């Protein structure tokens, strides 16, 4: 199960249900894919195919939707203590 978090400008942001506990988000558009760590700081885990301009847009979308992403993470995986 991969719940969609947001879909903006063709960028599909989602979680994989059976992955590591560290908060992160995946993004796909066409054949391109990336994973971004959300904690302890925003950090690119990997990028396959996105240009630097697209990655800047992706990071901006993540930053602007931080609250939505956190809420959906907590709703899907359960509130984490920390």
PDB file of N, CA and C in Angstrom:
ATOM      1  N   UNK A   1       0.841  -1.177   0.000  1.00  0.00           N
ATOM      2  CA  UNK A   1       0.000   0.000   0.000  1.00  0.00           C
ATOM      3  C   UNK A   1       0.885   1.238   0.000  1.00  0.00           C
ATOM      4  N   UNK A   2       0.624   2.152  -0.883  1.00  0.00           N
ATOM      5  CA  UNK A   2       1.380   3.396  -0.985  1.00  0.00           C
ATOM      6  C   UNK A   2       0.416   4.575  -0.956  1.00  0.00           C
ATOM      7  N   UNK A   3       0.096   5.071   0.236  1.00  0.00           N
ATOM      8  CA  UNK A   3      -0.866   6.170   0.296  1.00  0.00           C
ATOM      9  C   UNK A   3      -0.316   7.461  -0.315  1.00  0.00           C
ATOM     10  N   UNK A   4      -1.093   8.049  -1.206  1.00  0.00           N
ATOM     11  CA  UNK A   4      -0.738   9.344  -1.792  1.00  0.00           C
ATOM     12  C   UNK A   4      -0.916  10.415  -0.728  1.00  0.00           C
ATOM     13  N   UNK A   5       0.049  11.293  -0.671  1.00  0.00           N
ATOM     14  CA  UNK A   5      -0.004  12.403   0.272  1.00  0.00           C
ATOM     15  C   UNK A   5      -0.491  13.653  -0.443  1.00  0.00           C
ATOM     16  N   UNK A   6       0.172  14.002  -1.535  1.00  0.00           N
ATOM     17  CA  UNK A   6      -0.240  15.142  -2.348  1.00  0.00           C
ATOM     18  C   UNK A   6       0.142  14.880  -3.805  1.00  0.00           C
ATOM     19  N   UNK A   7      -0.582  15.524  -4.690  1.00  0.00           N
ATOM     20  CA  UNK A   7      -0.287  15.484  -6.124  1.00  0.00           C
ATOM     21  C   UNK A   7      -0.319  16.932  -6.602  1.00  0.00           C
ATOM     22  N   UNK A   8       0.855  17.449  -6.977  1.00  0.00           N
ATOM     23  CA  UNK A   8       0.976  18.848  -7.374  1.00  0.00           C
ATOM     24  C   UNK A   8       1.839  18.929  -8.625  1.00  0.00           C
ATOM     25  N   UNK A   9       1.322  19.595  -9.655  1.00  0.00           N
ATOM     26  CA  UNK A   9       2.068  19.803 -10.902  1.00  0.00           C
ATOM     27  C   UNK A   9       2.629  18.496 -11.482  1.00  0.00           C
ATOM     28  N   UNK A  10       1.903  17.423 -11.305  1.00  0.00           N
ATOM     29  CA  UNK A  10       2.334  16.129 -11.816  1.00  0.00           C
ATOM     30  C   UNK A  10       3.280  15.380 -10.901  1.00  0.00           C
ATOM     31  N   UNK A  11       3.741  16.017  -9.824  1.00  0.00           N
ATOM     32  CA  UNK A  11       4.600  15.361  -8.847  1.00  0.00           C
ATOM     33  C   UNK A  11       3.705  14.603  -7.864  1.00  0.00           C
ATOM     34  N   UNK A  12       3.899  13.304  -7.775  1.00  0.00           N
ATOM     35  CA  UNK A  12       3.104  12.443  -6.908  1.00  0.00           C
ATOM     36  C   UNK A  12       3.920  12.128  -5.657  1.00  0.00           C
ATOM     37  N   UNK A  13       3.489  12.649  -4.518  1.00  0.00           N
ATOM     38  CA  UNK A  13       4.185  12.445  -3.250  1.00  0.00           C
ATOM     39  C   UNK A  13       3.445  11.360  -2.467  1.00  0.00           C
ATOM     40  N   UNK A  14       4.196  10.383  -1.946  1.00  0.00           N
ATOM     41  CA  UNK A  14       3.557   9.246  -1.285  1.00  0.00           C
ATOM     42  C   UNK A  14       4.500   8.584  -0.293  1.00  0.00           C
ATOM     43  N   UNK A  15       3.918   7.697   0.539  1.00  0.00           N
ATOM     44  CA  UNK A  15       4.672   6.864   1.470  1.00  0.00           C
ATOM     45  C   UNK A  15       4.550   5.414   1.020  1.00  0.00           C
ATOM     46  N   UNK A  16       5.564   4.608   1.319  1.00  0.00           N
ATOM     47  CA  UNK A  16       5.437   3.156   1.254  1.00  0.00           C
ATOM     48  C   UNK A  16       5.099   2.696   2.656  1.00  0.00           C
ATOM     49  N   UNK A  17       4.161   1.785   2.780  1.00  0.00           N
ATOM     50  CA  UNK A  17       3.704   1.367   4.098  1.00  0.00           C
ATOM     51  C   UNK A  17       4.720   0.538   4.873  1.00  0.00           C
ATOM     52  N   UNK A  18       5.526  -0.231   4.189  1.00  0.00           N
ATOM     53  CA  UNK A  18       6.428  -1.161   4.868  1.00  0.00           C
ATOM     54  C   UNK A  18       7.880  -0.732   4.696  1.00  0.00           C
ATOM     55  N   UNK A  19       8.232   0.401   5.280  1.00  0.00           N
ATOM     56  CA  UNK A  19       9.597   0.908   5.173  1.00  0.00           C
ATOM     57  C   UNK A  19      10.121   1.322   6.533  1.00  0.00           C
ATOM     58  N   UNK A  20      11.313   1.898   6.531  1.00  0.00           N
ATOM     59  CA  UNK A  20      11.946   2.315   7.777  1.00  0.00           C
ATOM     60  C   UNK A  20      11.116   3.374   8.490  1.00  0.00           C
ATOM     61  N   UNK A  21      11.376   3.511   9.775  1.00  0.00           N
ATOM     62  CA  UNK A  21      10.574   4.397  10.614  1.00  0.00           C
ATOM     63  C   UNK A  21      10.934   5.870  10.473  1.00  0.00           C
ATOM     64  N   UNK A  22      12.144   6.163  10.028  1.00  0.00           N
ATOM     65  CA  UNK A  22      12.564   7.564   9.882  1.00  0.00           C
ATOM     66  C   UNK A  22      11.645   8.261   8.874  1.00  0.00           C
ATOM     67  N   UNK A  23      11.122   9.414   9.264  1.00  0.00           N
ATOM     68  CA  UNK A  23      10.141  10.099   8.433  1.00  0.00           C
ATOM     69  C   UNK A  23      10.763  10.545   7.104  1.00  0.00           C
ATOM     70  N   UNK A  24      10.084  10.189   6.019  1.00  0.00           N
ATOM     71  CA  UNK A  24      10.547  10.523   4.672  1.00  0.00           C
ATOM     72  C   UNK A  24       9.364  10.485   3.716  1.00  0.00           C
ATOM     73  N   UNK A  25       9.591  10.956   2.500  1.00  0.00           N
ATOM     74  CA  UNK A  25       8.542  10.924   1.482  1.00  0.00           C
ATOM     75  C   UNK A  25       9.176  10.593   0.135  1.00  0.00           C
ATOM     76  N   UNK A  26       8.419   9.889  -0.678  1.00  0.00           N
ATOM     77  CA  UNK A  26       8.832   9.554  -2.039  1.00  0.00           C
ATOM     78  C   UNK A  26       8.080  10.465  -2.998  1.00  0.00           C
ATOM     79  N   UNK A  27       8.698  10.715  -4.152  1.00  0.00           N
ATOM     80  CA  UNK A  27       8.044  11.502  -5.193  1.00  0.00           C
ATOM     81  C   UNK A  27       8.363  10.879  -6.540  1.00  0.00           C
ATOM     82  N   UNK A  28       7.339  10.825  -7.379  1.00  0.00           N
ATOM     83  CA  UNK A  28       7.506  10.320  -8.736  1.00  0.00           C
ATOM     84  C   UNK A  28       6.827  11.257  -9.715  1.00  0.00           C
ATOM     85  N   UNK A  29       7.394  11.323 -10.899  1.00  0.00           N
ATOM     86  CA  UNK A  29       6.757  12.015 -12.019  1.00  0.00           C
ATOM     87  C   UNK A  29       7.296  11.329 -13.261  1.00  0.00           C
ATOM     88  N   UNK A  30       6.403  10.697 -14.012  1.00  0.00           N
ATOM     89  CA  UNK A  30       6.847   9.910 -15.154  1.00  0.00           C
ATOM     90  C   UNK A  30       7.749   8.786 -14.681  1.00  0.00           C
ATOM     91  N   UNK A  31       8.912   8.667 -15.284  1.00  0.00           N
ATOM     92  CA  UNK A  31       9.867   7.625 -14.921  1.00  0.00           C
ATOM     93  C   UNK A  31      10.823   8.062 -13.807  1.00  0.00           C
ATOM     94  N   UNK A  32      10.744   9.308 -13.395  1.00  0.00           N
ATOM     95  CA  UNK A  32      11.669   9.847 -12.401  1.00  0.00           C
ATOM     96  C   UNK A  32      11.167   9.584 -10.990  1.00  0.00           C
ATOM     97  N   UNK A  33      12.110   9.367 -10.068  1.00  0.00           N
ATOM     98  CA  UNK A  33      11.751   9.087  -8.687  1.00  0.00           C
ATOM     99  C   UNK A  33      12.806   9.640  -7.742  1.00  0.00           C
ATOM    100  N   UNK A  34      12.366  10.038  -6.568  1.00  0.00           N
ATOM    101  CA  UNK A  34      13.283  10.532  -5.542  1.00  0.00           C
ATOM    102  C   UNK A  34      12.699  10.200  -4.168  1.00  0.00           C
ATOM    103  N   UNK A  35      13.589  10.224  -3.193  1.00  0.00           N
ATOM    104  CA  UNK A  35      13.202  10.020  -1.795  1.00  0.00           C
ATOM    105  C   UNK A  35      13.862  11.128  -0.994  1.00  0.00           C
ATOM    106  N   UNK A  36      13.082  11.753  -0.115  1.00  0.00           N
ATOM    107  CA  UNK A  36      13.585  12.861   0.696  1.00  0.00           C
ATOM    108  C   UNK A  36      13.333  12.542   2.167  1.00  0.00           C
ATOM    109  N   UNK A  37      14.422  12.587   2.956  1.00  0.00           N
ATOM    110  CA  UNK A  37      14.298  12.454   4.404  1.00  0.00           C
ATOM    111  C   UNK A  37      13.676  13.731   4.942  1.00  0.00           C
ATOM    112  N   UNK A  38      12.784  13.604   5.902  1.00  0.00           N
ATOM    113  CA  UNK A  38      12.127  14.754   6.511  1.00  0.00           C
ATOM    114  C   UNK A  38      12.654  15.047   7.908  1.00  0.00           C
ATOM    115  N   UNK A  39      13.415  14.095   8.449  1.00  0.00           N
ATOM    116  CA  UNK A  39      13.987  14.278   9.775  1.00  0.00           C
ATOM    117  C   UNK A  39      15.362  13.640   9.824  1.00  0.00           C
ATOM    118  N   UNK A  40      16.283  14.082  10.624  1.00  0.00           N
ATOM    119  CA  UNK A  40      16.128  15.243  11.506  1.00  0.00           C
ATOM    120  C   UNK A  40      16.085  16.567  10.746  1.00  0.00           C
ATOM    121  N   UNK A  41      16.608  16.565   9.512  1.00  0.00           N
ATOM    122  CA  UNK A  41      16.496  17.740   8.651  1.00  0.00           C
ATOM    123  C   UNK A  41      16.119  17.268   7.254  1.00  0.00           C
ATOM    124  N   UNK A  42      15.634  18.177   6.446  1.00  0.00           N
ATOM    125  CA  UNK A  42      15.287  17.869   5.062  1.00  0.00           C
ATOM    126  C   UNK A  42      16.573  17.518   4.309  1.00  0.00           C
ATOM    127  N   UNK A  43      16.612  16.302   3.716  1.00  0.00           N
ATOM    128  CA  UNK A  43      17.824  15.828   3.045  1.00  0.00           C
ATOM    129  C   UNK A  43      17.443  14.854   1.939  1.00  0.00           C
ATOM    130  N   UNK A  44      18.050  15.012   0.790  1.00  0.00           N
ATOM    131  CA  UNK A  44      17.789  14.114  -0.328  1.00  0.00           C
ATOM    132  C   UNK A  44      18.422  12.760  -0.054  1.00  0.00           C
ATOM    133  N   UNK A  45      17.610  11.711  -0.084  1.00  0.00           N
ATOM    134  CA  UNK A  45      18.124  10.346   0.081  1.00  0.00           C
ATOM    135  C   UNK A  45      18.621   9.816  -1.260  1.00  0.00           C
ATOM    136  N   UNK A  46      17.817   9.993  -2.312  1.00  0.00           N
ATOM    137  CA  UNK A  46      18.242   9.643  -3.663  1.00  0.00           C
ATOM    138  C   UNK A  46      17.393  10.364  -4.690  1.00  0.00           C
ATOM    139  N   UNK A  47      17.935  10.465  -5.885  1.00  0.00           N
ATOM    140  CA  UNK A  47      17.247  11.096  -7.011  1.00  0.00           C
ATOM    141  C   UNK A  47      17.619  10.329  -8.266  1.00  0.00           C
ATOM    142  N   UNK A  48      16.638   9.793  -8.943  1.00  0.00           N
ATOM    143  CA  UNK A  48      16.847   9.102 -10.208  1.00  0.00           C
ATOM    144  C   UNK A  48      16.040   9.798 -11.294  1.00  0.00           C
ATOM    145  N   UNK A  49      16.693  10.757 -11.982  1.00  0.00           N
ATOM    146  CA  UNK A  49      16.099  11.346 -13.162  1.00  0.00           C
ATOM    147  C   UNK A  49      15.618  12.772 -13.083  1.00  0.00           C
ATOM    148  N   UNK A  50      15.376  13.298 -11.892  1.00  0.00           N
ATOM    149  CA  UNK A  50      14.920  14.681 -11.793  1.00  0.00           C
ATOM    150  C   UNK A  50      16.087  15.641 -12.026  1.00  0.00           C
ATOM    151  N   UNK A  51      15.813  16.740 -12.719  1.00  0.00           N
ATOM    152  CA  UNK A  51      16.817  17.778 -12.909  1.00  0.00           C
ATOM    153  C   UNK A  51      16.962  18.572 -11.609  1.00  0.00           C
ATOM    154  N   UNK A  52      18.007  19.376 -11.519  1.00  0.00           N
ATOM    155  CA  UNK A  52      18.182  20.201 -10.318  1.00  0.00           C
ATOM    156  C   UNK A  52      17.029  21.196 -10.175  1.00  0.00           C
ATOM    157  N   UNK A  53      16.519  21.694 -11.292  1.00  0.00           N
ATOM    158  CA  UNK A  53      15.362  22.611 -11.248  1.00  0.00           C
ATOM    159  C   UNK A  53      14.132  21.890 -10.689  1.00  0.00           C
ATOM    160  N   UNK A  54      13.901  20.656 -11.137  1.00  0.00           N
ATOM    161  CA  UNK A  54      12.765  19.881 -10.617  1.00  0.00           C
ATOM    162  C   UNK A  54      12.944  19.590  -9.129  1.00  0.00           C
ATOM    163  N   UNK A  55      14.181  19.268  -8.723  1.00  0.00           N
ATOM    164  CA  UNK A  55      14.423  18.976  -7.304  1.00  0.00           C
ATOM    165  C   UNK A  55      14.168  20.223  -6.450  1.00  0.00           C
ATOM    166  N   UNK A  56      14.521  21.396  -6.946  1.00  0.00           N
ATOM    167  CA  UNK A  56      14.216  22.628  -6.216  1.00  0.00           C
ATOM    168  C   UNK A  56      12.707  22.788  -6.054  1.00  0.00           C
ATOM    169  N   UNK A  57      11.950  22.481  -7.099  1.00  0.00           N
ATOM    170  CA  UNK A  57      10.482  22.540  -7.018  1.00  0.00           C
ATOM    171  C   UNK A  57       9.953  21.533  -6.016  1.00  0.00           C
ATOM    172  N   UNK A  58      10.508  20.333  -6.031  1.00  0.00           N
ATOM    173  CA  UNK A  58      10.089  19.271  -5.107  1.00  0.00           C
ATOM    174  C   UNK A  58      10.331  19.697  -3.662  1.00  0.00           C
ATOM    175  N   UNK A  59      11.523  20.205  -3.389  1.00  0.00           N
ATOM    176  CA  UNK A  59      11.852  20.650  -2.027  1.00  0.00           C
ATOM    177  C   UNK A  59      10.931  21.789  -1.604  1.00  0.00           C
ATOM    178  N   UNK A  60      10.634  22.700  -2.518  1.00  0.00           N
ATOM    179  CA  UNK A  60       9.714  23.806  -2.211  1.00  0.00           C
ATOM    180  C   UNK A  60       8.322  23.273  -1.878  1.00  0.00           C
ATOM    181  N   UNK A  61       7.839  22.307  -2.663  1.00  0.00           N
ATOM    182  CA  UNK A  61       6.516  21.710  -2.403  1.00  0.00           C
ATOM    183  C   UNK A  61       6.497  21.033  -1.036  1.00  0.00           C
ATOM    184  N   UNK A  62       7.562  20.287  -0.730  1.00  0.00           N
ATOM    185  CA  UNK A  62       7.643  19.607   0.572  1.00  0.00           C
ATOM    186  C   UNK A  62       7.622  20.642   1.696  1.00  0.00           C
ATOM    187  N   UNK A  63       8.417  21.684   1.568  1.00  0.00           N
ATOM    188  CA  UNK A  63       8.495  22.722   2.601  1.00  0.00           C
ATOM    189  C   UNK A  63       7.148  23.414   2.790  1.00  0.00           C
ATOM    190  N   UNK A  64       6.493  23.748   1.692  1.00  0.00           N
ATOM    191  CA  UNK A  64       5.202  24.438   1.764  1.00  0.00           C
ATOM    192  C   UNK A  64       4.087  23.549   2.299  1.00  0.00           C
ATOM    193  N   UNK A  65       4.266  22.233   2.217  1.00  0.00           N
ATOM    194  CA  UNK A  65       3.221  21.293   2.650  1.00  0.00           C
ATOM    195  C   UNK A  65       3.669  20.446   3.838  1.00  0.00           C
ATOM    196  N   UNK A  66       4.624  20.971   4.592  1.00  0.00           N
ATOM    197  CA  UNK A  66       5.193  20.219   5.714  1.00  0.00           C
ATOM    198  C   UNK A  66       4.123  19.745   6.702  1.00  0.00           C
ATOM    199  N   UNK A  67       3.189  20.611   7.029  1.00  0.00           N
ATOM    200  CA  UNK A  67       2.147  20.267   8.004  1.00  0.00           C
ATOM    201  C   UNK A  67       1.262  19.126   7.473  1.00  0.00           C
ATOM    202  N   UNK A  68       0.856  19.217   6.220  1.00  0.00           N
ATOM    203  CA  UNK A  68       0.028  18.168   5.600  1.00  0.00           C
ATOM    204  C   UNK A  68       0.784  16.835   5.592  1.00  0.00           C
ATOM    205  N   UNK A  69       2.040  16.876   5.208  1.00  0.00           N
ATOM    206  CA  UNK A  69       2.854  15.655   5.149  1.00  0.00           C
ATOM    207  C   UNK A  69       2.983  15.041   6.539  1.00  0.00           C
ATOM    208  N   UNK A  70       3.319  15.867   7.532  1.00  0.00           N
ATOM    209  CA  UNK A  70       3.439  15.360   8.909  1.00  0.00           C
ATOM    210  C   UNK A  70       2.129  14.764   9.404  1.00  0.00           C
ATOM    211  N   UNK A  71       1.030  15.450   9.154  1.00  0.00           N
ATOM    212  CA  UNK A  71      -0.277  14.956   9.597  1.00  0.00           C
ATOM    213  C   UNK A  71      -0.608  13.621   8.935  1.00  0.00           C
ATOM    214  N   UNK A  72      -0.347  13.511   7.636  1.00  0.00           N
ATOM    215  CA  UNK A  72      -0.654  12.254   6.940  1.00  0.00           C
ATOM    216  C   UNK A  72       0.285  11.140   7.372  1.00  0.00           C
ATOM    217  N   UNK A  73       1.549  11.466   7.644  1.00  0.00           N
ATOM    218  CA  UNK A  73       2.486  10.456   8.155  1.00  0.00           C
ATOM    219  C   UNK A  73       1.970   9.917   9.494  1.00  0.00           C
ATOM    220  N   UNK A  74       1.634  10.836  10.403  1.00  0.00           N
ATOM    221  CA  UNK A  74       1.156  10.429  11.723  1.00  0.00           C
ATOM    222  C   UNK A  74      -0.155   9.660  11.644  1.00  0.00           C
ATOM    223  N   UNK A  75      -1.018  10.041  10.736  1.00  0.00           N
ATOM    224  CA  UNK A  75      -2.279   9.340  10.552  1.00  0.00           C
ATOM    225  C   UNK A  75      -2.058   7.933  10.007  1.00  0.00           C
ATOM    226  N   UNK A  76      -1.140   7.794   9.069  1.00  0.00           N
ATOM    227  CA  UNK A  76      -0.895   6.494   8.442  1.00  0.00           C
ATOM    228  C   UNK A  76      -0.071   5.558   9.316  1.00  0.00           C
ATOM    229  N   UNK A  77       0.998   6.072   9.914  1.00  0.00           N
ATOM    230  CA  UNK A  77       1.927   5.225  10.659  1.00  0.00           C
ATOM    231  C   UNK A  77       1.693   5.266  12.158  1.00  0.00           C
ATOM    232  N   UNK A  78       0.901   6.209  12.629  1.00  0.00           N
ATOM    233  CA  UNK A  78       0.707   6.387  14.063  1.00  0.00           C
ATOM    234  C   UNK A  78       1.667   7.429  14.573  1.00  0.00           C
ATOM    235  N   UNK A  79       1.204   8.237  15.503  1.00  0.00           N
ATOM    236  CA  UNK A  79       2.031   9.312  16.058  1.00  0.00           C
ATOM    237  C   UNK A  79       3.282   8.732  16.669  1.00  0.00           C
ATOM    238  N   UNK A  80       4.428   9.301  16.293  1.00  0.00           N
ATOM    239  CA  UNK A  80       5.700   8.848  16.850  1.00  0.00           C
ATOM    240  C   UNK A  80       6.093   9.737  17.996  1.00  0.00           C
ATOM    241  N   UNK A  81       6.624   9.121  19.028  1.00  0.00           N
ATOM    242  CA  UNK A  81       7.139   9.919  20.131  1.00  0.00           C
ATOM    243  C   UNK A  81       8.572  10.304  19.810  1.00  0.00           C
ATOM    244  N   UNK A  82       9.009  11.429  20.280  1.00  0.00           N
ATOM    245  CA  UNK A  82      10.356  11.806  19.964  1.00  0.00           C
ATOM    246  C   UNK A  82      10.695  13.052  20.593  1.00  0.00           C
TER     247      UNK A  82
END
